[in-house]
């Protein structure tokens, strides 16, 4: 079973997306802020990380930079999830090391396609 670490501070978004992905057969582990997400990624080594960019404690851009700079976590694909739909936000996410980018509100089929693509690379 594929393990996905969902790093999302909004409880409603976290619960809704977790349930939807679990119904599709994914094992979901969640974190509420960037620091907790980095720690869980280091401990669990998930197959994929879904990273909200606007996080407390440590934002998603910095959390991604830390993950991608560590030999232990650099190969875990990261998909940025954000309500920030500006081209500059997408570019900033890629510069931080994200493997893909998706905007909120989440369109499940679109996200699932992106998840499959990064997992198959």
PDB file of N, CA and C in Angstrom:
ATOM      1  N   UNK A   1       0.847  -1.181   0.000  1.00  0.00           N
ATOM      2  CA  UNK A   1       0.000   0.000   0.000  1.00  0.00           C
ATOM      3  C   UNK A   1       0.894   1.247   0.000  1.00  0.00           C
ATOM      4  N   UNK A   2       0.541   2.208  -0.810  1.00  0.00           N
ATOM      5  CA  UNK A   2       1.295   3.457  -0.912  1.00  0.00           C
ATOM      6  C   UNK A   2       0.959   4.356   0.275  1.00  0.00           C
ATOM      7  N   UNK A   3       2.017   4.841   0.936  1.00  0.00           N
ATOM      8  CA  UNK A   3       1.845   5.734   2.072  1.00  0.00           C
ATOM      9  C   UNK A   3       2.048   7.170   1.627  1.00  0.00           C
ATOM     10  N   UNK A   4       1.065   8.007   1.944  1.00  0.00           N
ATOM     11  CA  UNK A   4       1.102   9.433   1.602  1.00  0.00           C
ATOM     12  C   UNK A   4       1.119  10.228   2.900  1.00  0.00           C
ATOM     13  N   UNK A   5       2.076  11.137   3.016  1.00  0.00           N
ATOM     14  CA  UNK A   5       2.109  12.080   4.129  1.00  0.00           C
ATOM     15  C   UNK A   5       1.428  13.358   3.666  1.00  0.00           C
ATOM     16  N   UNK A   6       0.321  13.689   4.299  1.00  0.00           N
ATOM     17  CA  UNK A   6      -0.439  14.896   3.983  1.00  0.00           C
ATOM     18  C   UNK A   6      -0.109  15.939   5.049  1.00  0.00           C
ATOM     19  N   UNK A   7       0.549  17.015   4.642  1.00  0.00           N
ATOM     20  CA  UNK A   7       0.920  18.084   5.562  1.00  0.00           C
ATOM     21  C   UNK A   7      -0.011  19.258   5.269  1.00  0.00           C
ATOM     22  N   UNK A   8      -0.976  19.449   6.146  1.00  0.00           N
ATOM     23  CA  UNK A   8      -2.057  20.421   5.943  1.00  0.00           C
ATOM     24  C   UNK A   8      -2.510  20.943   7.301  1.00  0.00           C
ATOM     25  N   UNK A   9      -2.530  22.258   7.473  1.00  0.00           N
ATOM     26  CA  UNK A   9      -2.903  22.823   8.772  1.00  0.00           C
ATOM     27  C   UNK A   9      -4.409  22.973   8.960  1.00  0.00           C
ATOM     28  N   UNK A  10      -5.161  23.026   7.879  1.00  0.00           N
ATOM     29  CA  UNK A  10      -6.606  23.189   7.991  1.00  0.00           C
ATOM     30  C   UNK A  10      -7.255  21.827   8.258  1.00  0.00           C
ATOM     31  N   UNK A  11      -7.862  21.695   9.437  1.00  0.00           N
ATOM     32  CA  UNK A  11      -8.407  20.408   9.857  1.00  0.00           C
ATOM     33  C   UNK A  11      -9.456  19.871   8.888  1.00  0.00           C
ATOM     34  N   UNK A  12     -10.337  20.729   8.416  1.00  0.00           N
ATOM     35  CA  UNK A  12     -11.389  20.288   7.502  1.00  0.00           C
ATOM     36  C   UNK A  12     -10.782  19.780   6.189  1.00  0.00           C
ATOM     37  N   UNK A  13      -9.834  20.522   5.630  1.00  0.00           N
ATOM     38  CA  UNK A  13      -9.167  20.078   4.394  1.00  0.00           C
ATOM     39  C   UNK A  13      -8.425  18.763   4.614  1.00  0.00           C
ATOM     40  N   UNK A  14      -7.736  18.668   5.747  1.00  0.00           N
ATOM     41  CA  UNK A  14      -6.959  17.470   6.070  1.00  0.00           C
ATOM     42  C   UNK A  14      -7.871  16.240   6.176  1.00  0.00           C
ATOM     43  N   UNK A  15      -8.956  16.380   6.917  1.00  0.00           N
ATOM     44  CA  UNK A  15      -9.869  15.256   7.103  1.00  0.00           C
ATOM     45  C   UNK A  15     -10.547  14.849   5.798  1.00  0.00           C
ATOM     46  N   UNK A  16     -11.018  15.828   5.039  1.00  0.00           N
ATOM     47  CA  UNK A  16     -11.718  15.547   3.790  1.00  0.00           C
ATOM     48  C   UNK A  16     -10.797  14.847   2.794  1.00  0.00           C
ATOM     49  N   UNK A  17      -9.598  15.379   2.596  1.00  0.00           N
ATOM     50  CA  UNK A  17      -8.686  14.792   1.618  1.00  0.00           C
ATOM     51  C   UNK A  17      -8.193  13.428   2.092  1.00  0.00           C
ATOM     52  N   UNK A  18      -7.946  13.276   3.387  1.00  0.00           N
ATOM     53  CA  UNK A  18      -7.521  11.979   3.921  1.00  0.00           C
ATOM     54  C   UNK A  18      -8.552  10.903   3.627  1.00  0.00           C
ATOM     55  N   UNK A  19      -9.797  11.198   3.916  1.00  0.00           N
ATOM     56  CA  UNK A  19     -10.870  10.215   3.682  1.00  0.00           C
ATOM     57  C   UNK A  19     -10.979   9.855   2.202  1.00  0.00           C
ATOM     58  N   UNK A  20     -10.918  10.861   1.356  1.00  0.00           N
ATOM     59  CA  UNK A  20     -11.062  10.608  -0.080  1.00  0.00           C
ATOM     60  C   UNK A  20      -9.913   9.748  -0.614  1.00  0.00           C
ATOM     61  N   UNK A  21      -8.696  10.023  -0.141  1.00  0.00           N
ATOM     62  CA  UNK A  21      -7.538   9.242  -0.596  1.00  0.00           C
ATOM     63  C   UNK A  21      -7.541   7.829  -0.009  1.00  0.00           C
ATOM     64  N   UNK A  22      -7.974   7.696   1.227  1.00  0.00           N
ATOM     65  CA  UNK A  22      -8.066   6.366   1.835  1.00  0.00           C
ATOM     66  C   UNK A  22      -9.055   5.489   1.055  1.00  0.00           C
ATOM     67  N   UNK A  23     -10.154   6.090   0.610  1.00  0.00           N
ATOM     68  CA  UNK A  23     -11.129   5.334  -0.195  1.00  0.00           C
ATOM     69  C   UNK A  23     -10.533   4.878  -1.522  1.00  0.00           C
ATOM     70  N   UNK A  24      -9.501   5.570  -1.985  1.00  0.00           N
ATOM     71  CA  UNK A  24      -8.826   5.189  -3.226  1.00  0.00           C
ATOM     72  C   UNK A  24      -7.694   4.191  -2.970  1.00  0.00           C
ATOM     73  N   UNK A  25      -7.511   3.782  -1.699  1.00  0.00           N
ATOM     74  CA  UNK A  25      -6.535   2.744  -1.395  1.00  0.00           C
ATOM     75  C   UNK A  25      -5.197   3.212  -0.859  1.00  0.00           C
ATOM     76  N   UNK A  26      -5.057   4.491  -0.584  1.00  0.00           N
ATOM     77  CA  UNK A  26      -3.808   5.012  -0.037  1.00  0.00           C
ATOM     78  C   UNK A  26      -3.822   4.957   1.491  1.00  0.00           C
ATOM     79  N   UNK A  27      -2.656   4.747   2.078  1.00  0.00           N
ATOM     80  CA  UNK A  27      -2.493   4.873   3.530  1.00  0.00           C
ATOM     81  C   UNK A  27      -2.086   6.328   3.778  1.00  0.00           C
ATOM     82  N   UNK A  28      -2.822   7.021   4.634  1.00  0.00           N
ATOM     83  CA  UNK A  28      -2.584   8.450   4.860  1.00  0.00           C
ATOM     84  C   UNK A  28      -2.071   8.683   6.277  1.00  0.00           C
ATOM     85  N   UNK A  29      -0.996   9.441   6.358  1.00  0.00           N
ATOM     86  CA  UNK A  29      -0.462   9.930   7.625  1.00  0.00           C
ATOM     87  C   UNK A  29      -0.530  11.450   7.521  1.00  0.00           C
ATOM     88  N   UNK A  30      -0.915  12.125   8.605  1.00  0.00           N
ATOM     89  CA  UNK A  30      -1.073  13.574   8.523  1.00  0.00           C
ATOM     90  C   UNK A  30      -0.168  14.313   9.506  1.00  0.00           C
ATOM     91  N   UNK A  31       0.137  15.535   9.124  1.00  0.00           N
ATOM     92  CA  UNK A  31       0.864  16.476   9.973  1.00  0.00           C
ATOM     93  C   UNK A  31       0.171  17.818   9.851  1.00  0.00           C
ATOM     94  N   UNK A  32       0.231  18.609  10.919  1.00  0.00           N
ATOM     95  CA  UNK A  32      -0.483  19.888  10.969  1.00  0.00           C
ATOM     96  C   UNK A  32       0.393  21.099  10.706  1.00  0.00           C
ATOM     97  N   UNK A  33       1.708  20.925  10.707  1.00  0.00           N
ATOM     98  CA  UNK A  33       2.604  22.047  10.402  1.00  0.00           C
ATOM     99  C   UNK A  33       3.860  21.509   9.726  1.00  0.00           C
ATOM    100  N   UNK A  34       4.642  22.416   9.180  1.00  0.00           N
ATOM    101  CA  UNK A  34       5.819  22.017   8.421  1.00  0.00           C
ATOM    102  C   UNK A  34       6.866  21.277   9.231  1.00  0.00           C
ATOM    103  N   UNK A  35       7.104  21.704  10.447  1.00  0.00           N
ATOM    104  CA  UNK A  35       8.117  21.043  11.283  1.00  0.00           C
ATOM    105  C   UNK A  35       7.701  19.599  11.594  1.00  0.00           C
ATOM    106  N   UNK A  36       6.441  19.420  11.992  1.00  0.00           N
ATOM    107  CA  UNK A  36       5.939  18.075  12.269  1.00  0.00           C
ATOM    108  C   UNK A  36       6.002  17.224  10.996  1.00  0.00           C
ATOM    109  N   UNK A  37       5.697  17.820   9.866  1.00  0.00           N
ATOM    110  CA  UNK A  37       5.756  17.100   8.598  1.00  0.00           C
ATOM    111  C   UNK A  37       7.154  16.622   8.259  1.00  0.00           C
ATOM    112  N   UNK A  38       8.141  17.477   8.452  1.00  0.00           N
ATOM    113  CA  UNK A  38       9.534  17.093   8.185  1.00  0.00           C
ATOM    114  C   UNK A  38       9.939  15.946   9.107  1.00  0.00           C
ATOM    115  N   UNK A  39       9.592  16.039  10.382  1.00  0.00           N
ATOM    116  CA  UNK A  39       9.939  14.981  11.334  1.00  0.00           C
ATOM    117  C   UNK A  39       9.286  13.652  10.949  1.00  0.00           C
ATOM    118  N   UNK A  40       8.003  13.693  10.576  1.00  0.00           N
ATOM    119  CA  UNK A  40       7.317  12.462  10.173  1.00  0.00           C
ATOM    120  C   UNK A  40       7.919  11.888   8.888  1.00  0.00           C
ATOM    121  N   UNK A  41       8.276  12.746   7.949  1.00  0.00           N
ATOM    122  CA  UNK A  41       8.885  12.277   6.700  1.00  0.00           C
ATOM    123  C   UNK A  41      10.216  11.572   6.991  1.00  0.00           C
ATOM    124  N   UNK A  42      10.999  12.134   7.895  1.00  0.00           N
ATOM    125  CA  UNK A  42      12.282  11.519   8.254  1.00  0.00           C
ATOM    126  C   UNK A  42      12.073  10.169   8.943  1.00  0.00           C
ATOM    127  N   UNK A  43      11.055  10.067   9.783  1.00  0.00           N
ATOM    128  CA  UNK A  43      10.797   8.829  10.526  1.00  0.00           C
ATOM    129  C   UNK A  43      10.150   7.754   9.660  1.00  0.00           C
ATOM    130  N   UNK A  44       9.149   8.143   8.871  1.00  0.00           N
ATOM    131  CA  UNK A  44       8.312   7.165   8.170  1.00  0.00           C
ATOM    132  C   UNK A  44       8.735   6.880   6.739  1.00  0.00           C
ATOM    133  N   UNK A  45       9.445   7.816   6.105  1.00  0.00           N
ATOM    134  CA  UNK A  45       9.830   7.703   4.706  1.00  0.00           C
ATOM    135  C   UNK A  45       8.637   7.329   3.828  1.00  0.00           C
ATOM    136  N   UNK A  46       7.626   8.211   3.754  1.00  0.00           N
ATOM    137  CA  UNK A  46       6.445   7.911   2.939  1.00  0.00           C
ATOM    138  C   UNK A  46       6.805   7.832   1.458  1.00  0.00           C
ATOM    139  N   UNK A  47       5.896   7.272   0.683  1.00  0.00           N
ATOM    140  CA  UNK A  47       6.111   7.174  -0.760  1.00  0.00           C
ATOM    141  C   UNK A  47       5.903   8.514  -1.457  1.00  0.00           C
ATOM    142  N   UNK A  48       5.089   9.385  -0.843  1.00  0.00           N
ATOM    143  CA  UNK A  48       4.710  10.665  -1.451  1.00  0.00           C
ATOM    144  C   UNK A  48       4.322  11.638  -0.348  1.00  0.00           C
ATOM    145  N   UNK A  49       4.612  12.912  -0.579  1.00  0.00           N
ATOM    146  CA  UNK A  49       4.204  13.966   0.352  1.00  0.00           C
ATOM    147  C   UNK A  49       3.325  14.960  -0.386  1.00  0.00           C
ATOM    148  N   UNK A  50       2.168  15.260   0.206  1.00  0.00           N
ATOM    149  CA  UNK A  50       1.304  16.340  -0.269  1.00  0.00           C
ATOM    150  C   UNK A  50       1.514  17.486   0.703  1.00  0.00           C
ATOM    151  N   UNK A  51       2.062  18.590   0.218  1.00  0.00           N
ATOM    152  CA  UNK A  51       2.541  19.683   1.060  1.00  0.00           C
ATOM    153  C   UNK A  51       1.750  20.966   0.832  1.00  0.00           C
ATOM    154  N   UNK A  52       0.952  21.341   1.837  1.00  0.00           N
ATOM    155  CA  UNK A  52       0.357  22.674   1.812  1.00  0.00           C
ATOM    156  C   UNK A  52       1.517  23.660   1.922  1.00  0.00           C
ATOM    157  N   UNK A  53       1.440  24.782   1.263  1.00  0.00           N
ATOM    158  CA  UNK A  53       2.538  25.736   1.313  1.00  0.00           C
ATOM    159  C   UNK A  53       2.386  26.762   2.421  1.00  0.00           C
ATOM    160  N   UNK A  54       1.169  27.096   2.789  1.00  0.00           N
ATOM    161  CA  UNK A  54       0.921  28.087   3.845  1.00  0.00           C
ATOM    162  C   UNK A  54       0.701  27.353   5.168  1.00  0.00           C
ATOM    163  N   UNK A  55       1.799  27.017   5.813  1.00  0.00           N
ATOM    164  CA  UNK A  55       1.757  26.249   7.053  1.00  0.00           C
ATOM    165  C   UNK A  55       2.316  27.056   8.217  1.00  0.00           C
ATOM    166  N   UNK A  56       1.842  26.771   9.430  1.00  0.00           N
ATOM    167  CA  UNK A  56       2.437  27.402  10.606  1.00  0.00           C
ATOM    168  C   UNK A  56       3.759  26.724  10.970  1.00  0.00           C
ATOM    169  N   UNK A  57       4.504  27.364  11.838  1.00  0.00           N
ATOM    170  CA  UNK A  57       5.779  26.901  12.397  1.00  0.00           C
ATOM    171  C   UNK A  57       6.880  26.912  11.342  1.00  0.00           C
ATOM    172  N   UNK A  58       6.690  26.172  10.259  1.00  0.00           N
ATOM    173  CA  UNK A  58       7.642  26.096   9.154  1.00  0.00           C
ATOM    174  C   UNK A  58       6.810  25.996   7.885  1.00  0.00           C
ATOM    175  N   UNK A  59       6.916  26.981   6.996  1.00  0.00           N
ATOM    176  CA  UNK A  59       6.042  26.960   5.821  1.00  0.00           C
ATOM    177  C   UNK A  59       6.432  25.831   4.871  1.00  0.00           C
ATOM    178  N   UNK A  60       5.550  25.548   3.932  1.00  0.00           N
ATOM    179  CA  UNK A  60       5.749  24.434   3.017  1.00  0.00           C
ATOM    180  C   UNK A  60       6.950  24.579   2.112  1.00  0.00           C
ATOM    181  N   UNK A  61       7.293  25.800   1.742  1.00  0.00           N
ATOM    182  CA  UNK A  61       8.471  26.009   0.902  1.00  0.00           C
ATOM    183  C   UNK A  61       9.733  25.601   1.669  1.00  0.00           C
ATOM    184  N   UNK A  62       9.861  26.072   2.894  1.00  0.00           N
ATOM    185  CA  UNK A  62      11.054  25.763   3.691  1.00  0.00           C
ATOM    186  C   UNK A  62      11.073  24.282   4.074  1.00  0.00           C
ATOM    187  N   UNK A  63       9.921  23.724   4.410  1.00  0.00           N
ATOM    188  CA  UNK A  63       9.859  22.297   4.736  1.00  0.00           C
ATOM    189  C   UNK A  63      10.324  21.462   3.539  1.00  0.00           C
ATOM    190  N   UNK A  64       9.892  21.839   2.342  1.00  0.00           N
ATOM    191  CA  UNK A  64      10.317  21.119   1.134  1.00  0.00           C
ATOM    192  C   UNK A  64      11.813  21.262   0.924  1.00  0.00           C
ATOM    193  N   UNK A  65      12.350  22.471   1.112  1.00  0.00           N
ATOM    194  CA  UNK A  65      13.805  22.670   0.974  1.00  0.00           C
ATOM    195  C   UNK A  65      14.575  21.755   1.924  1.00  0.00           C
ATOM    196  N   UNK A  66      14.104  21.664   3.160  1.00  0.00           N
ATOM    197  CA  UNK A  66      14.778  20.797   4.138  1.00  0.00           C
ATOM    198  C   UNK A  66      14.712  19.334   3.708  1.00  0.00           C
ATOM    199  N   UNK A  67      13.545  18.897   3.275  1.00  0.00           N
ATOM    200  CA  UNK A  67      13.392  17.504   2.848  1.00  0.00           C
ATOM    201  C   UNK A  67      14.268  17.187   1.645  1.00  0.00           C
ATOM    202  N   UNK A  68      14.319  18.101   0.685  1.00  0.00           N
ATOM    203  CA  UNK A  68      15.090  17.864  -0.539  1.00  0.00           C
ATOM    204  C   UNK A  68      16.600  18.007  -0.321  1.00  0.00           C
ATOM    205  N   UNK A  69      17.005  18.623   0.792  1.00  0.00           N
ATOM    206  CA  UNK A  69      18.436  18.773   1.072  1.00  0.00           C
ATOM    207  C   UNK A  69      18.977  17.624   1.922  1.00  0.00           C
ATOM    208  N   UNK A  70      18.114  16.735   2.373  1.00  0.00           N
ATOM    209  CA  UNK A  70      18.522  15.605   3.202  1.00  0.00           C
ATOM    210  C   UNK A  70      18.657  14.345   2.349  1.00  0.00           C
ATOM    211  N   UNK A  71      19.760  13.637   2.511  1.00  0.00           N
ATOM    212  CA  UNK A  71      19.971  12.399   1.759  1.00  0.00           C
ATOM    213  C   UNK A  71      18.875  11.375   2.045  1.00  0.00           C
ATOM    214  N   UNK A  72      18.306  11.408   3.241  1.00  0.00           N
ATOM    215  CA  UNK A  72      17.293  10.427   3.635  1.00  0.00           C
ATOM    216  C   UNK A  72      15.927  10.679   3.005  1.00  0.00           C
ATOM    217  N   UNK A  73      15.615  11.926   2.656  1.00  0.00           N
ATOM    218  CA  UNK A  73      14.266  12.255   2.182  1.00  0.00           C
ATOM    219  C   UNK A  73      14.237  12.911   0.802  1.00  0.00           C
ATOM    220  N   UNK A  74      15.386  13.162   0.209  1.00  0.00           N
ATOM    221  CA  UNK A  74      15.429  13.929  -1.047  1.00  0.00           C
ATOM    222  C   UNK A  74      14.710  13.258  -2.210  1.00  0.00           C
ATOM    223  N   UNK A  75      14.580  11.940  -2.164  1.00  0.00           N
ATOM    224  CA  UNK A  75      13.947  11.235  -3.277  1.00  0.00           C
ATOM    225  C   UNK A  75      12.441  11.045  -3.108  1.00  0.00           C
ATOM    226  N   UNK A  76      11.882  11.507  -1.983  1.00  0.00           N
ATOM    227  CA  UNK A  76      10.434  11.401  -1.783  1.00  0.00           C
ATOM    228  C   UNK A  76       9.774  12.506  -2.611  1.00  0.00           C
ATOM    229  N   UNK A  77       8.886  12.143  -3.540  1.00  0.00           N
ATOM    230  CA  UNK A  77       8.222  13.185  -4.330  1.00  0.00           C
ATOM    231  C   UNK A  77       7.311  14.050  -3.460  1.00  0.00           C
ATOM    232  N   UNK A  78       7.313  15.343  -3.767  1.00  0.00           N
ATOM    233  CA  UNK A  78       6.493  16.321  -3.047  1.00  0.00           C
ATOM    234  C   UNK A  78       5.597  17.030  -4.052  1.00  0.00           C
ATOM    235  N   UNK A  79       4.293  17.009  -3.773  1.00  0.00           N
ATOM    236  CA  UNK A  79       3.344  17.785  -4.565  1.00  0.00           C
ATOM    237  C   UNK A  79       2.856  18.935  -3.693  1.00  0.00           C
ATOM    238  N   UNK A  80       3.071  20.154  -4.149  1.00  0.00           N
ATOM    239  CA  UNK A  80       2.603  21.335  -3.431  1.00  0.00           C
ATOM    240  C   UNK A  80       1.102  21.477  -3.617  1.00  0.00           C
ATOM    241  N   UNK A  81       0.404  21.772  -2.524  1.00  0.00           N
ATOM    242  CA  UNK A  81      -1.034  22.050  -2.561  1.00  0.00           C
ATOM    243  C   UNK A  81      -1.238  23.444  -2.010  1.00  0.00           C
ATOM    244  N   UNK A  82      -1.882  24.300  -2.794  1.00  0.00           N
ATOM    245  CA  UNK A  82      -2.031  25.666  -2.318  1.00  0.00           C
ATOM    246  C   UNK A  82      -3.224  26.370  -2.948  1.00  0.00           C
ATOM    247  N   UNK A  83      -3.752  27.318  -2.208  1.00  0.00           N
ATOM    248  CA  UNK A  83      -4.794  28.188  -2.739  1.00  0.00           C
ATOM    249  C   UNK A  83      -4.166  29.322  -3.544  1.00  0.00           C
ATOM    250  N   UNK A  84      -2.842  29.459  -3.462  1.00  0.00           N
ATOM    251  CA  UNK A  84      -2.116  30.493  -4.210  1.00  0.00           C
ATOM    252  C   UNK A  84      -1.922  30.011  -5.645  1.00  0.00           C
ATOM    253  N   UNK A  85      -2.697  30.539  -6.553  1.00  0.00           N
ATOM    254  CA  UNK A  85      -2.692  30.043  -7.932  1.00  0.00           C
ATOM    255  C   UNK A  85      -1.865  30.908  -8.878  1.00  0.00           C
ATOM    256  N   UNK A  86      -1.100  31.815  -8.338  1.00  0.00           N
ATOM    257  CA  UNK A  86      -0.284  32.687  -9.173  1.00  0.00           C
ATOM    258  C   UNK A  86       0.888  31.904  -9.769  1.00  0.00           C
ATOM    259  N   UNK A  87       1.303  32.284 -10.980  1.00  0.00           N
ATOM    260  CA  UNK A  87       2.439  31.645 -11.626  1.00  0.00           C
ATOM    261  C   UNK A  87       3.679  31.759 -10.767  1.00  0.00           C
ATOM    262  N   UNK A  88       3.853  32.886 -10.084  1.00  0.00           N
ATOM    263  CA  UNK A  88       5.030  33.069  -9.232  1.00  0.00           C
ATOM    264  C   UNK A  88       5.036  32.089  -8.060  1.00  0.00           C
ATOM    265  N   UNK A  89       3.854  31.738  -7.544  1.00  0.00           N
ATOM    266  CA  UNK A  89       3.777  30.753  -6.462  1.00  0.00           C
ATOM    267  C   UNK A  89       4.178  29.375  -6.965  1.00  0.00           C
ATOM    268  N   UNK A  90       3.728  29.043  -8.159  1.00  0.00           N
ATOM    269  CA  UNK A  90       4.101  27.760  -8.746  1.00  0.00           C
ATOM    270  C   UNK A  90       5.606  27.696  -8.979  1.00  0.00           C
ATOM    271  N   UNK A  91       6.186  28.755  -9.512  1.00  0.00           N
ATOM    272  CA  UNK A  91       7.626  28.799  -9.741  1.00  0.00           C
ATOM    273  C   UNK A  91       8.385  28.680  -8.428  1.00  0.00           C
ATOM    274  N   UNK A  92       7.908  29.365  -7.397  1.00  0.00           N
ATOM    275  CA  UNK A  92       8.546  29.307  -6.080  1.00  0.00           C
ATOM    276  C   UNK A  92       8.490  27.889  -5.508  1.00  0.00           C
ATOM    277  N   UNK A  93       7.384  27.188  -5.734  1.00  0.00           N
ATOM    278  CA  UNK A  93       7.253  25.806  -5.261  1.00  0.00           C
ATOM    279  C   UNK A  93       8.274  24.905  -5.964  1.00  0.00           C
ATOM    280  N   UNK A  94       8.410  25.058  -7.269  1.00  0.00           N
ATOM    281  CA  UNK A  94       9.388  24.252  -8.004  1.00  0.00           C
ATOM    282  C   UNK A  94      10.810  24.587  -7.567  1.00  0.00           C
ATOM    283  N   UNK A  95      11.080  25.866  -7.329  1.00  0.00           N
ATOM    284  CA  UNK A  95      12.416  26.271  -6.863  1.00  0.00           C
ATOM    285  C   UNK A  95      12.737  25.674  -5.499  1.00  0.00           C
ATOM    286  N   UNK A  96      11.722  25.493  -4.668  1.00  0.00           N
ATOM    287  CA  UNK A  96      11.922  24.893  -3.353  1.00  0.00           C
ATOM    288  C   UNK A  96      12.180  23.389  -3.450  1.00  0.00           C
ATOM    289  N   UNK A  97      11.840  22.795  -4.605  1.00  0.00           N
ATOM    290  CA  UNK A  97      12.097  21.371  -4.803  1.00  0.00           C
ATOM    291  C   UNK A  97      10.864  20.519  -5.008  1.00  0.00           C
ATOM    292  N   UNK A  98       9.693  21.131  -5.076  1.00  0.00           N
ATOM    293  CA  UNK A  98       8.470  20.356  -5.296  1.00  0.00           C
ATOM    294  C   UNK A  98       8.528  19.681  -6.664  1.00  0.00           C
ATOM    295  N   UNK A  99       7.967  18.489  -6.725  1.00  0.00           N
ATOM    296  CA  UNK A  99       7.956  17.733  -7.971  1.00  0.00           C
ATOM    297  C   UNK A  99       6.747  18.062  -8.841  1.00  0.00           C
ATOM    298  N   UNK A 100       5.693  18.571  -8.198  1.00  0.00           N
ATOM    299  CA  UNK A 100       4.501  18.988  -8.936  1.00  0.00           C
ATOM    300  C   UNK A 100       3.757  19.993  -8.064  1.00  0.00           C
ATOM    301  N   UNK A 101       2.681  20.537  -8.617  1.00  0.00           N
ATOM    302  CA  UNK A 101       1.964  21.652  -8.002  1.00  0.00           C
ATOM    303  C   UNK A 101       0.489  21.491  -8.318  1.00  0.00           C
ATOM    304  N   UNK A 102      -0.365  21.656  -7.315  1.00  0.00           N
ATOM    305  CA  UNK A 102      -1.801  21.594  -7.558  1.00  0.00           C
ATOM    306  C   UNK A 102      -2.486  22.666  -6.719  1.00  0.00           C
ATOM    307  N   UNK A 103      -3.554  23.212  -7.252  1.00  0.00           N
ATOM    308  CA  UNK A 103      -4.252  24.299  -6.573  1.00  0.00           C
ATOM    309  C   UNK A 103      -5.497  23.803  -5.850  1.00  0.00           C
ATOM    310  N   UNK A 104      -5.838  24.537  -4.821  1.00  0.00           N
ATOM    311  CA  UNK A 104      -7.080  24.302  -4.080  1.00  0.00           C
ATOM    312  C   UNK A 104      -8.136  25.215  -4.666  1.00  0.00           C
ATOM    313  N   UNK A 105      -9.384  24.836  -4.642  1.00  0.00           N
ATOM    314  CA  UNK A 105      -9.881  23.594  -4.064  1.00  0.00           C
ATOM    315  C   UNK A 105      -9.412  22.392  -4.882  1.00  0.00           C
ATOM    316  N   UNK A 106      -9.183  21.292  -4.169  1.00  0.00           N
ATOM    317  CA  UNK A 106      -8.663  20.078  -4.786  1.00  0.00           C
ATOM    318  C   UNK A 106      -9.705  19.456  -5.713  1.00  0.00           C
ATOM    319  N   UNK A 107      -9.267  19.153  -6.930  1.00  0.00           N
ATOM    320  CA  UNK A 107     -10.062  18.361  -7.873  1.00  0.00           C
ATOM    321  C   UNK A 107      -9.439  16.967  -7.802  1.00  0.00           C
ATOM    322  N   UNK A 108     -10.145  16.025  -7.194  1.00  0.00           N
ATOM    323  CA  UNK A 108      -9.546  14.735  -6.857  1.00  0.00           C
ATOM    324  C   UNK A 108      -8.954  14.017  -8.059  1.00  0.00           C
ATOM    325  N   UNK A 109      -9.649  13.936  -9.162  1.00  0.00           N
ATOM    326  CA  UNK A 109      -9.107  13.228 -10.332  1.00  0.00           C
ATOM    327  C   UNK A 109      -7.804  13.860 -10.824  1.00  0.00           C
ATOM    328  N   UNK A 110      -7.757  15.176 -10.834  1.00  0.00           N
ATOM    329  CA  UNK A 110      -6.536  15.874 -11.264  1.00  0.00           C
ATOM    330  C   UNK A 110      -5.387  15.548 -10.307  1.00  0.00           C
ATOM    331  N   UNK A 111      -5.659  15.608  -8.990  1.00  0.00           N
ATOM    332  CA  UNK A 111      -4.624  15.304  -8.006  1.00  0.00           C
ATOM    333  C   UNK A 111      -4.174  13.852  -8.119  1.00  0.00           C
ATOM    334  N   UNK A 112      -5.098  12.929  -8.272  1.00  0.00           N
ATOM    335  CA  UNK A 112      -4.737  11.509  -8.398  1.00  0.00           C
ATOM    336  C   UNK A 112      -3.836  11.276  -9.608  1.00  0.00           C
ATOM    337  N   UNK A 113      -4.114  11.954 -10.714  1.00  0.00           N
ATOM    338  CA  UNK A 113      -3.250  11.841 -11.897  1.00  0.00           C
ATOM    339  C   UNK A 113      -1.850  12.350 -11.606  1.00  0.00           C
ATOM    340  N   UNK A 114      -1.759  13.467 -10.917  1.00  0.00           N
ATOM    341  CA  UNK A 114      -0.443  14.015 -10.570  1.00  0.00           C
ATOM    342  C   UNK A 114       0.297  13.080  -9.615  1.00  0.00           C
ATOM    343  N   UNK A 115      -0.430  12.514  -8.670  1.00  0.00           N
ATOM    344  CA  UNK A 115       0.173  11.566  -7.729  1.00  0.00           C
ATOM    345  C   UNK A 115       0.731  10.352  -8.477  1.00  0.00           C
ATOM    346  N   UNK A 116      -0.054   9.799  -9.393  1.00  0.00           N
ATOM    347  CA  UNK A 116       0.406   8.650 -10.179  1.00  0.00           C
ATOM    348  C   UNK A 116       1.650   9.018 -11.001  1.00  0.00           C
ATOM    349  N   UNK A 117       1.624  10.206 -11.599  1.00  0.00           N
ATOM    350  CA  UNK A 117       2.758  10.626 -12.429  1.00  0.00           C
ATOM    351  C   UNK A 117       4.060  10.715 -11.622  1.00  0.00           C
ATOM    352  N   UNK A 118       4.022  11.363 -10.467  1.00  0.00           N
ATOM    353  CA  UNK A 118       5.267  11.504  -9.692  1.00  0.00           C
ATOM    354  C   UNK A 118       5.698  10.180  -9.070  1.00  0.00           C
ATOM    355  N   UNK A 119       4.757   9.324  -8.743  1.00  0.00           N
ATOM    356  CA  UNK A 119       5.119   8.017  -8.181  1.00  0.00           C
ATOM    357  C   UNK A 119       5.730   7.092  -9.244  1.00  0.00           C
ATOM    358  N   UNK A 120       5.365   7.306 -10.511  1.00  0.00           N
ATOM    359  CA  UNK A 120       5.885   6.463 -11.578  1.00  0.00           C
ATOM    360  C   UNK A 120       7.195   6.958 -12.180  1.00  0.00           C
ATOM    361  N   UNK A 121       7.694   8.087 -11.718  1.00  0.00           N
ATOM    362  CA  UNK A 121       8.961   8.619 -12.260  1.00  0.00           C
ATOM    363  C   UNK A 121      10.138   7.843 -11.710  1.00  0.00           C
TER     364      UNK A 121
END
